[in-house]
N, C-alpha and C. Protein backbone atom coordinates (compact mmCIF):
# COMPACT_ATOMS: atom_id res chain seq x y z
N MET A 1 156.31 273.10 146.78
CA MET A 1 155.09 272.71 147.47
C MET A 1 155.17 271.24 147.87
N ALA A 2 154.73 270.94 149.05
CA ALA A 2 154.78 269.58 149.57
C ALA A 2 153.75 268.69 148.88
N ASP A 3 154.06 267.42 148.83
CA ASP A 3 153.10 266.43 148.35
C ASP A 3 152.34 265.91 149.56
N TYR A 4 151.27 266.60 149.91
CA TYR A 4 150.47 266.18 151.05
C TYR A 4 149.72 264.91 150.70
N PHE A 5 149.69 263.97 151.64
CA PHE A 5 149.01 262.69 151.41
C PHE A 5 147.59 262.91 150.90
N GLN A 6 146.87 263.80 151.56
CA GLN A 6 145.45 264.00 151.26
C GLN A 6 145.23 264.53 149.85
N ASP A 7 146.16 265.32 149.34
CA ASP A 7 146.01 265.88 148.00
C ASP A 7 146.22 264.82 146.92
N LEU A 8 146.83 263.70 147.28
CA LEU A 8 147.13 262.65 146.31
C LEU A 8 146.10 261.52 146.32
N LEU A 9 145.18 261.56 147.30
CA LEU A 9 144.15 260.52 147.41
C LEU A 9 142.91 260.92 146.62
N ALA A 10 142.48 260.06 145.72
CA ALA A 10 141.26 260.32 144.95
C ALA A 10 140.03 260.04 145.80
N ASP A 11 138.98 260.77 145.57
CA ASP A 11 137.67 260.51 146.19
C ASP A 11 137.68 260.58 147.71
N ASN A 12 138.48 261.46 148.29
CA ASN A 12 138.56 261.55 149.74
C ASN A 12 137.59 262.59 150.27
N HIS A 13 136.49 262.12 150.84
CA HIS A 13 135.44 262.99 151.37
C HIS A 13 135.46 263.08 152.90
N CYS A 14 136.52 262.58 153.52
CA CYS A 14 136.61 262.55 154.99
C CYS A 14 136.46 263.96 155.57
N TRP A 15 135.71 264.06 156.67
CA TRP A 15 135.52 265.37 157.31
C TRP A 15 136.82 265.92 157.87
N GLY A 16 137.67 265.06 158.38
CA GLY A 16 138.93 265.53 158.97
C GLY A 16 140.00 265.83 157.94
N CYS A 17 140.13 264.97 156.94
CA CYS A 17 141.28 265.09 156.04
C CYS A 17 140.93 265.16 154.56
N GLY A 18 139.67 265.05 154.22
CA GLY A 18 139.30 264.99 152.81
C GLY A 18 139.38 266.33 152.10
N THR A 19 139.93 266.30 150.92
CA THR A 19 139.98 267.52 150.10
C THR A 19 138.63 267.81 149.45
N LEU A 20 137.75 266.81 149.41
CA LEU A 20 136.46 266.97 148.72
C LEU A 20 135.30 267.27 149.66
N ASN A 21 135.57 267.46 150.94
CA ASN A 21 134.50 267.78 151.88
C ASN A 21 134.46 269.29 152.08
N PRO A 22 133.40 269.96 151.63
CA PRO A 22 133.37 271.43 151.69
C PRO A 22 133.35 272.00 153.10
N ASN A 23 133.01 271.18 154.11
CA ASN A 23 132.95 271.66 155.48
C ASN A 23 134.01 271.04 156.39
N GLY A 24 135.00 270.40 155.80
CA GLY A 24 135.97 269.64 156.57
C GLY A 24 137.07 270.48 157.21
N LEU A 25 137.97 269.77 157.90
CA LEU A 25 139.10 270.40 158.58
C LEU A 25 140.29 270.62 157.65
N TYR A 26 140.34 269.89 156.53
CA TYR A 26 141.42 270.00 155.53
C TYR A 26 142.80 269.74 156.13
N LEU A 27 142.91 268.72 156.94
CA LEU A 27 144.18 268.30 157.50
C LEU A 27 145.14 267.93 156.38
N LYS A 28 146.40 268.31 156.51
CA LYS A 28 147.42 268.02 155.51
C LYS A 28 148.59 267.32 156.19
N SER A 29 148.99 266.17 155.65
CA SER A 29 150.05 265.35 156.24
C SER A 29 151.15 265.11 155.21
N GLU A 30 152.39 264.98 155.70
CA GLU A 30 153.52 264.67 154.83
C GLU A 30 154.55 263.89 155.63
N TRP A 31 155.44 263.20 154.90
CA TRP A 31 156.48 262.43 155.57
C TRP A 31 157.51 263.34 156.20
N SER A 32 157.92 263.02 157.40
CA SER A 32 159.13 263.60 157.98
C SER A 32 160.26 262.57 157.86
N ILE A 33 159.90 261.29 157.97
CA ILE A 33 160.79 260.15 157.69
C ILE A 33 159.97 259.20 156.82
N PRO A 34 160.23 259.14 155.51
CA PRO A 34 159.38 258.33 154.62
C PRO A 34 159.21 256.89 155.10
N GLY A 35 157.94 256.48 155.15
CA GLY A 35 157.57 255.14 155.55
C GLY A 35 157.53 254.91 157.05
N GLU A 36 157.98 255.92 157.84
CA GLU A 36 158.07 255.73 159.29
C GLU A 36 157.33 256.79 160.10
N GLU A 37 157.47 258.05 159.73
CA GLU A 37 156.93 259.13 160.55
C GLU A 37 156.43 260.27 159.67
N SER A 38 155.30 260.83 160.07
CA SER A 38 154.72 261.94 159.31
C SER A 38 154.39 263.09 160.26
N ILE A 39 154.19 264.24 159.64
CA ILE A 39 153.86 265.44 160.42
C ILE A 39 152.71 266.18 159.73
N SER A 40 151.95 266.86 160.54
CA SER A 40 150.87 267.70 160.04
C SER A 40 150.79 268.95 160.91
N THR A 41 150.73 270.09 160.28
CA THR A 41 150.53 271.33 161.02
C THR A 41 149.08 271.75 160.81
N PHE A 42 148.39 271.97 161.92
CA PHE A 42 146.99 272.36 161.86
C PHE A 42 146.80 273.64 162.67
N ASN A 43 146.10 274.58 162.08
CA ASN A 43 145.82 275.86 162.74
C ASN A 43 144.37 275.87 163.22
N PRO A 44 144.16 275.67 164.53
CA PRO A 44 142.78 275.69 165.04
C PRO A 44 142.13 277.05 164.83
N ARG A 45 140.84 277.02 164.60
CA ARG A 45 140.06 278.24 164.41
C ARG A 45 139.06 278.38 165.56
N PRO A 46 138.49 279.55 165.74
CA PRO A 46 137.56 279.76 166.85
C PRO A 46 136.42 278.75 166.92
N GLU A 47 135.95 278.27 165.79
CA GLU A 47 134.84 277.30 165.81
C GLU A 47 135.29 275.91 166.30
N HIS A 48 136.57 275.73 166.54
CA HIS A 48 137.10 274.46 167.05
C HIS A 48 137.27 274.46 168.56
N MET A 49 136.79 275.49 169.24
CA MET A 49 137.01 275.60 170.67
C MET A 49 136.10 274.69 171.49
N ALA A 50 136.58 274.41 172.69
CA ALA A 50 135.80 273.66 173.69
C ALA A 50 134.94 274.67 174.44
N GLY A 51 134.41 274.27 175.59
CA GLY A 51 133.64 275.19 176.43
C GLY A 51 134.48 276.41 176.80
N PRO A 52 135.68 276.21 177.35
CA PRO A 52 136.56 277.35 177.58
C PRO A 52 137.09 277.84 176.23
N THR A 53 136.99 279.12 175.97
CA THR A 53 137.30 279.65 174.64
C THR A 53 138.77 279.55 174.25
N GLY A 54 139.67 279.29 175.17
CA GLY A 54 141.09 279.25 174.83
C GLY A 54 141.64 277.89 174.48
N VAL A 55 140.78 276.85 174.49
CA VAL A 55 141.28 275.50 174.22
C VAL A 55 140.49 274.81 173.10
N VAL A 56 141.15 273.84 172.48
CA VAL A 56 140.56 273.08 171.37
C VAL A 56 139.65 271.99 171.93
N ASN A 57 138.52 271.80 171.29
CA ASN A 57 137.55 270.76 171.62
C ASN A 57 138.20 269.38 171.50
N GLY A 58 137.92 268.50 172.44
CA GLY A 58 138.48 267.15 172.43
C GLY A 58 138.09 266.33 171.22
N GLY A 59 136.88 266.51 170.73
CA GLY A 59 136.45 265.79 169.53
C GLY A 59 137.25 266.20 168.30
N ILE A 60 137.57 267.48 168.21
CA ILE A 60 138.42 267.95 167.11
C ILE A 60 139.79 267.29 167.21
N LEU A 61 140.35 267.25 168.43
CA LEU A 61 141.66 266.61 168.61
C LEU A 61 141.61 265.14 168.22
N GLY A 62 140.55 264.44 168.62
CA GLY A 62 140.40 263.04 168.24
C GLY A 62 140.32 262.87 166.73
N THR A 63 139.60 263.75 166.07
CA THR A 63 139.49 263.70 164.61
C THR A 63 140.84 263.94 163.96
N LEU A 64 141.61 264.89 164.48
CA LEU A 64 142.94 265.16 163.93
C LEU A 64 143.84 263.94 164.08
N ILE A 65 143.82 263.32 165.26
CA ILE A 65 144.64 262.13 165.50
C ILE A 65 144.20 261.00 164.55
N ASP A 66 142.90 260.79 164.43
CA ASP A 66 142.38 259.74 163.57
C ASP A 66 142.76 259.99 162.11
N GLY A 67 142.45 261.17 161.61
CA GLY A 67 142.72 261.49 160.20
C GLY A 67 144.19 261.43 159.85
N HIS A 68 145.02 262.00 160.70
CA HIS A 68 146.47 262.00 160.43
C HIS A 68 147.01 260.58 160.49
N SER A 69 146.55 259.79 161.45
CA SER A 69 147.03 258.41 161.58
C SER A 69 146.59 257.55 160.40
N ILE A 70 145.33 257.66 160.00
CA ILE A 70 144.83 256.84 158.88
C ILE A 70 145.55 257.22 157.59
N CYS A 71 145.74 258.51 157.35
CA CYS A 71 146.45 258.92 156.13
C CYS A 71 147.90 258.45 156.16
N THR A 72 148.50 258.42 157.35
CA THR A 72 149.86 257.90 157.49
C THR A 72 149.89 256.40 157.18
N ALA A 73 148.89 255.66 157.65
CA ALA A 73 148.81 254.22 157.36
C ALA A 73 148.64 253.99 155.86
N ILE A 74 147.80 254.78 155.21
CA ILE A 74 147.61 254.64 153.76
C ILE A 74 148.92 254.95 153.04
N ALA A 75 149.57 256.04 153.42
CA ALA A 75 150.85 256.42 152.79
C ALA A 75 151.90 255.35 153.01
N ARG A 76 151.88 254.74 154.19
CA ARG A 76 152.83 253.67 154.48
C ARG A 76 152.61 252.46 153.59
N GLU A 77 151.35 252.14 153.32
CA GLU A 77 151.03 251.02 152.42
C GLU A 77 151.56 251.29 151.01
N TYR A 78 151.34 252.50 150.51
CA TYR A 78 151.88 252.85 149.19
C TYR A 78 153.40 252.76 149.21
N HIS A 79 154.02 253.30 150.25
CA HIS A 79 155.48 253.30 150.37
C HIS A 79 156.01 251.87 150.38
N ALA A 80 155.36 250.98 151.12
CA ALA A 80 155.79 249.58 151.21
C ALA A 80 155.72 248.88 149.86
N GLU A 81 154.80 249.33 149.01
CA GLU A 81 154.66 248.74 147.68
C GLU A 81 155.50 249.47 146.64
N GLY A 82 156.27 250.46 147.06
CA GLY A 82 157.13 251.20 146.14
C GLY A 82 156.36 252.07 145.17
N ARG A 83 155.17 252.50 145.58
CA ARG A 83 154.34 253.34 144.71
C ARG A 83 154.16 254.71 145.32
N GLU A 84 153.95 255.70 144.47
CA GLU A 84 153.56 257.03 144.92
C GLU A 84 152.10 256.96 145.37
N ILE A 85 151.73 257.78 146.33
CA ILE A 85 150.34 257.81 146.80
C ILE A 85 149.42 258.14 145.63
N GLY A 86 148.38 257.33 145.47
CA GLY A 86 147.41 257.54 144.40
C GLY A 86 147.77 256.83 143.11
N GLN A 87 148.97 256.28 143.01
CA GLN A 87 149.41 255.61 141.79
C GLN A 87 148.87 254.18 141.76
N GLY A 88 148.32 253.78 140.62
CA GLY A 88 147.81 252.41 140.47
C GLY A 88 146.52 252.20 141.24
N GLU A 89 146.30 250.94 141.64
CA GLU A 89 145.07 250.62 142.37
C GLU A 89 145.03 251.40 143.69
N GLN A 90 143.87 251.95 143.97
CA GLN A 90 143.67 252.76 145.16
C GLN A 90 143.84 251.94 146.44
N ILE A 91 144.49 252.55 147.44
CA ILE A 91 144.65 251.92 148.75
C ILE A 91 143.84 252.73 149.76
N TRP A 92 143.04 252.03 150.56
CA TRP A 92 142.29 252.67 151.63
C TRP A 92 142.52 251.90 152.93
N CYS A 93 142.58 252.63 154.02
CA CYS A 93 142.61 252.05 155.35
C CYS A 93 141.48 252.65 156.16
N VAL A 94 140.99 251.90 157.13
CA VAL A 94 139.94 252.38 158.03
C VAL A 94 140.40 252.20 159.47
N THR A 95 139.77 252.92 160.36
CA THR A 95 140.09 252.83 161.78
C THR A 95 139.48 251.57 162.36
N GLY A 96 140.32 250.73 162.97
CA GLY A 96 139.84 249.56 163.69
C GLY A 96 139.60 249.92 165.14
N THR A 97 140.60 250.51 165.77
CA THR A 97 140.46 251.03 167.12
C THR A 97 141.25 252.32 167.23
N MET A 98 140.82 253.14 168.18
CA MET A 98 141.54 254.38 168.45
C MET A 98 141.40 254.68 169.94
N THR A 99 142.51 254.99 170.56
CA THR A 99 142.48 255.47 171.94
C THR A 99 143.12 256.85 171.96
N VAL A 100 142.54 257.74 172.73
CA VAL A 100 143.07 259.09 172.86
C VAL A 100 143.21 259.40 174.35
N LYS A 101 144.34 259.94 174.72
CA LYS A 101 144.56 260.41 176.09
C LYS A 101 144.75 261.92 176.03
N TYR A 102 143.93 262.61 176.80
CA TYR A 102 144.04 264.06 176.90
C TYR A 102 144.88 264.37 178.13
N LEU A 103 146.04 264.95 177.92
CA LEU A 103 147.01 265.14 179.00
C LEU A 103 147.00 266.54 179.59
N ALA A 104 146.61 267.53 178.78
CA ALA A 104 146.58 268.92 179.21
C ALA A 104 145.74 269.69 178.20
N PRO A 105 145.25 270.88 178.54
CA PRO A 105 144.50 271.67 177.57
C PRO A 105 145.36 272.00 176.35
N THR A 106 144.75 271.91 175.18
CA THR A 106 145.42 272.25 173.92
C THR A 106 145.00 273.67 173.54
N LEU A 107 145.95 274.56 173.51
CA LEU A 107 145.66 275.97 173.25
C LEU A 107 145.19 276.19 171.82
N ILE A 108 144.18 277.03 171.67
CA ILE A 108 143.58 277.24 170.36
C ILE A 108 144.29 278.33 169.55
N ASP A 109 145.14 279.12 170.19
CA ASP A 109 145.72 280.29 169.51
C ASP A 109 147.09 280.03 168.89
N GLN A 110 147.45 278.77 168.69
CA GLN A 110 148.74 278.46 168.06
C GLN A 110 148.64 277.21 167.22
N PRO A 111 149.52 277.08 166.21
CA PRO A 111 149.50 275.90 165.35
C PRO A 111 149.83 274.63 166.14
N LEU A 112 149.24 273.53 165.71
CA LEU A 112 149.51 272.22 166.29
C LEU A 112 150.36 271.44 165.30
N GLU A 113 151.51 270.94 165.73
CA GLU A 113 152.36 270.11 164.87
C GLU A 113 152.20 268.67 165.32
N ILE A 114 151.31 267.98 164.65
CA ILE A 114 150.92 266.62 165.01
C ILE A 114 151.89 265.64 164.36
N THR A 115 152.41 264.71 165.14
CA THR A 115 153.34 263.71 164.63
C THR A 115 152.73 262.32 164.76
N ALA A 116 152.83 261.54 163.69
CA ALA A 116 152.37 260.15 163.69
C ALA A 116 153.55 259.25 163.34
N ARG A 117 153.70 258.16 164.08
CA ARG A 117 154.80 257.24 163.86
C ARG A 117 154.24 255.83 163.69
N VAL A 118 154.72 255.15 162.65
CA VAL A 118 154.33 253.76 162.43
C VAL A 118 155.02 252.91 163.49
N VAL A 119 154.22 252.23 164.31
CA VAL A 119 154.74 251.42 165.41
C VAL A 119 154.90 249.97 164.98
N ASP A 120 153.93 249.46 164.21
CA ASP A 120 153.93 248.04 163.86
C ASP A 120 153.07 247.83 162.62
N THR A 121 153.45 246.86 161.84
CA THR A 121 152.63 246.43 160.70
C THR A 121 152.59 244.92 160.71
N LYS A 122 151.41 244.39 160.45
CA LYS A 122 151.25 242.94 160.39
C LYS A 122 150.08 242.65 159.46
N GLY A 123 150.37 242.06 158.32
CA GLY A 123 149.31 241.78 157.37
C GLY A 123 148.63 243.06 156.93
N LYS A 124 147.33 243.12 157.12
CA LYS A 124 146.55 244.30 156.72
C LYS A 124 146.42 245.33 157.84
N ARG A 125 147.13 245.11 158.95
CA ARG A 125 147.00 245.98 160.12
C ARG A 125 148.25 246.85 160.28
N THR A 126 148.03 248.13 160.52
CA THR A 126 149.12 249.07 160.83
C THR A 126 148.76 249.79 162.11
N THR A 127 149.70 249.82 163.05
CA THR A 127 149.49 250.53 164.31
C THR A 127 150.29 251.82 164.28
N ILE A 128 149.61 252.90 164.62
CA ILE A 128 150.19 254.25 164.58
C ILE A 128 150.11 254.87 165.96
N ALA A 129 151.20 255.53 166.38
CA ALA A 129 151.20 256.33 167.61
C ALA A 129 151.27 257.79 167.19
N CYS A 130 150.45 258.61 167.82
CA CYS A 130 150.31 260.00 167.41
C CYS A 130 150.41 260.92 168.63
N VAL A 131 151.09 262.04 168.49
CA VAL A 131 151.17 263.02 169.57
C VAL A 131 150.78 264.41 169.06
N VAL A 132 150.14 265.17 169.95
CA VAL A 132 149.73 266.54 169.64
C VAL A 132 150.36 267.46 170.68
N PRO A 133 151.33 268.26 170.28
CA PRO A 133 151.91 269.23 171.21
C PRO A 133 151.22 270.59 171.09
N SER A 134 151.22 271.32 172.19
CA SER A 134 150.70 272.68 172.21
C SER A 134 151.49 273.46 173.24
N GLY A 135 152.06 274.56 172.85
CA GLY A 135 152.83 275.37 173.78
C GLY A 135 154.04 274.64 174.33
N GLY A 136 154.64 273.75 173.53
CA GLY A 136 155.81 273.02 173.95
C GLY A 136 155.55 271.82 174.83
N VAL A 137 154.27 271.48 175.03
CA VAL A 137 153.88 270.36 175.89
C VAL A 137 153.00 269.41 175.09
N THR A 138 153.19 268.10 175.26
CA THR A 138 152.28 267.14 174.62
C THR A 138 150.96 267.19 175.38
N THR A 139 149.90 267.60 174.68
CA THR A 139 148.60 267.77 175.32
C THR A 139 147.64 266.62 175.04
N ALA A 140 147.92 265.87 173.97
CA ALA A 140 147.09 264.71 173.64
C ALA A 140 147.96 263.70 172.91
N GLU A 141 147.62 262.44 173.11
CA GLU A 141 148.30 261.38 172.38
C GLU A 141 147.28 260.31 172.04
N GLY A 142 147.53 259.63 170.95
CA GLY A 142 146.60 258.60 170.53
C GLY A 142 147.29 257.44 169.89
N ASN A 143 146.60 256.32 169.90
CA ASN A 143 147.04 255.12 169.19
C ASN A 143 145.90 254.69 168.30
N VAL A 144 146.23 254.44 167.05
CA VAL A 144 145.23 254.03 166.07
C VAL A 144 145.69 252.73 165.44
N VAL A 145 144.78 251.77 165.38
CA VAL A 145 145.01 250.55 164.62
C VAL A 145 144.20 250.69 163.34
N ALA A 146 144.91 250.73 162.23
CA ALA A 146 144.30 250.91 160.92
C ALA A 146 144.30 249.58 160.18
N PHE A 147 143.23 249.32 159.45
CA PHE A 147 143.13 248.10 158.64
C PHE A 147 142.97 248.48 157.18
N ARG A 148 143.78 247.84 156.35
CA ARG A 148 143.65 248.03 154.90
C ARG A 148 142.40 247.29 154.44
N VAL A 149 141.61 247.96 153.61
CA VAL A 149 140.39 247.37 153.09
C VAL A 149 140.44 247.37 151.57
N ASP A 150 139.61 246.53 150.96
CA ASP A 150 139.53 246.50 149.51
C ASP A 150 139.04 247.84 149.00
N PRO A 151 139.54 248.31 147.87
CA PRO A 151 139.15 249.62 147.36
C PRO A 151 137.66 249.76 147.02
N GLU A 152 136.97 248.65 146.82
CA GLU A 152 135.54 248.74 146.53
C GLU A 152 134.82 249.14 147.77
């Protein structure tokens, strides 16, 4: 069984990625290249559709990009400190900015393999680039600037 970032974070109530939110999306992320790149497979459900029934709602896609990117930034912080996720003092990051580009409709009837890559780190700031493919085509991409915050 994979060590998903979200399963290792205590007190995570996030709607997109939190294990403790009873109505959330339950996004699961893991390293594909430790400290550099992560992947998440998400299976859209009918309640995630846009107006046209065959495509995923843009807000859902934005939430997936945000949640996967923030969890990647948190995991990267733990990795940089040589700690396992959740070990020792808790690390949290928040979204500073996020841009999303919708390039094509994202089909709802197939899994989405979302990839996030650490682009830059500087002090408490981590920049993440994220892509969402559907049907072999990148349908959405996003950039998230995450800021590490005090655990309180």
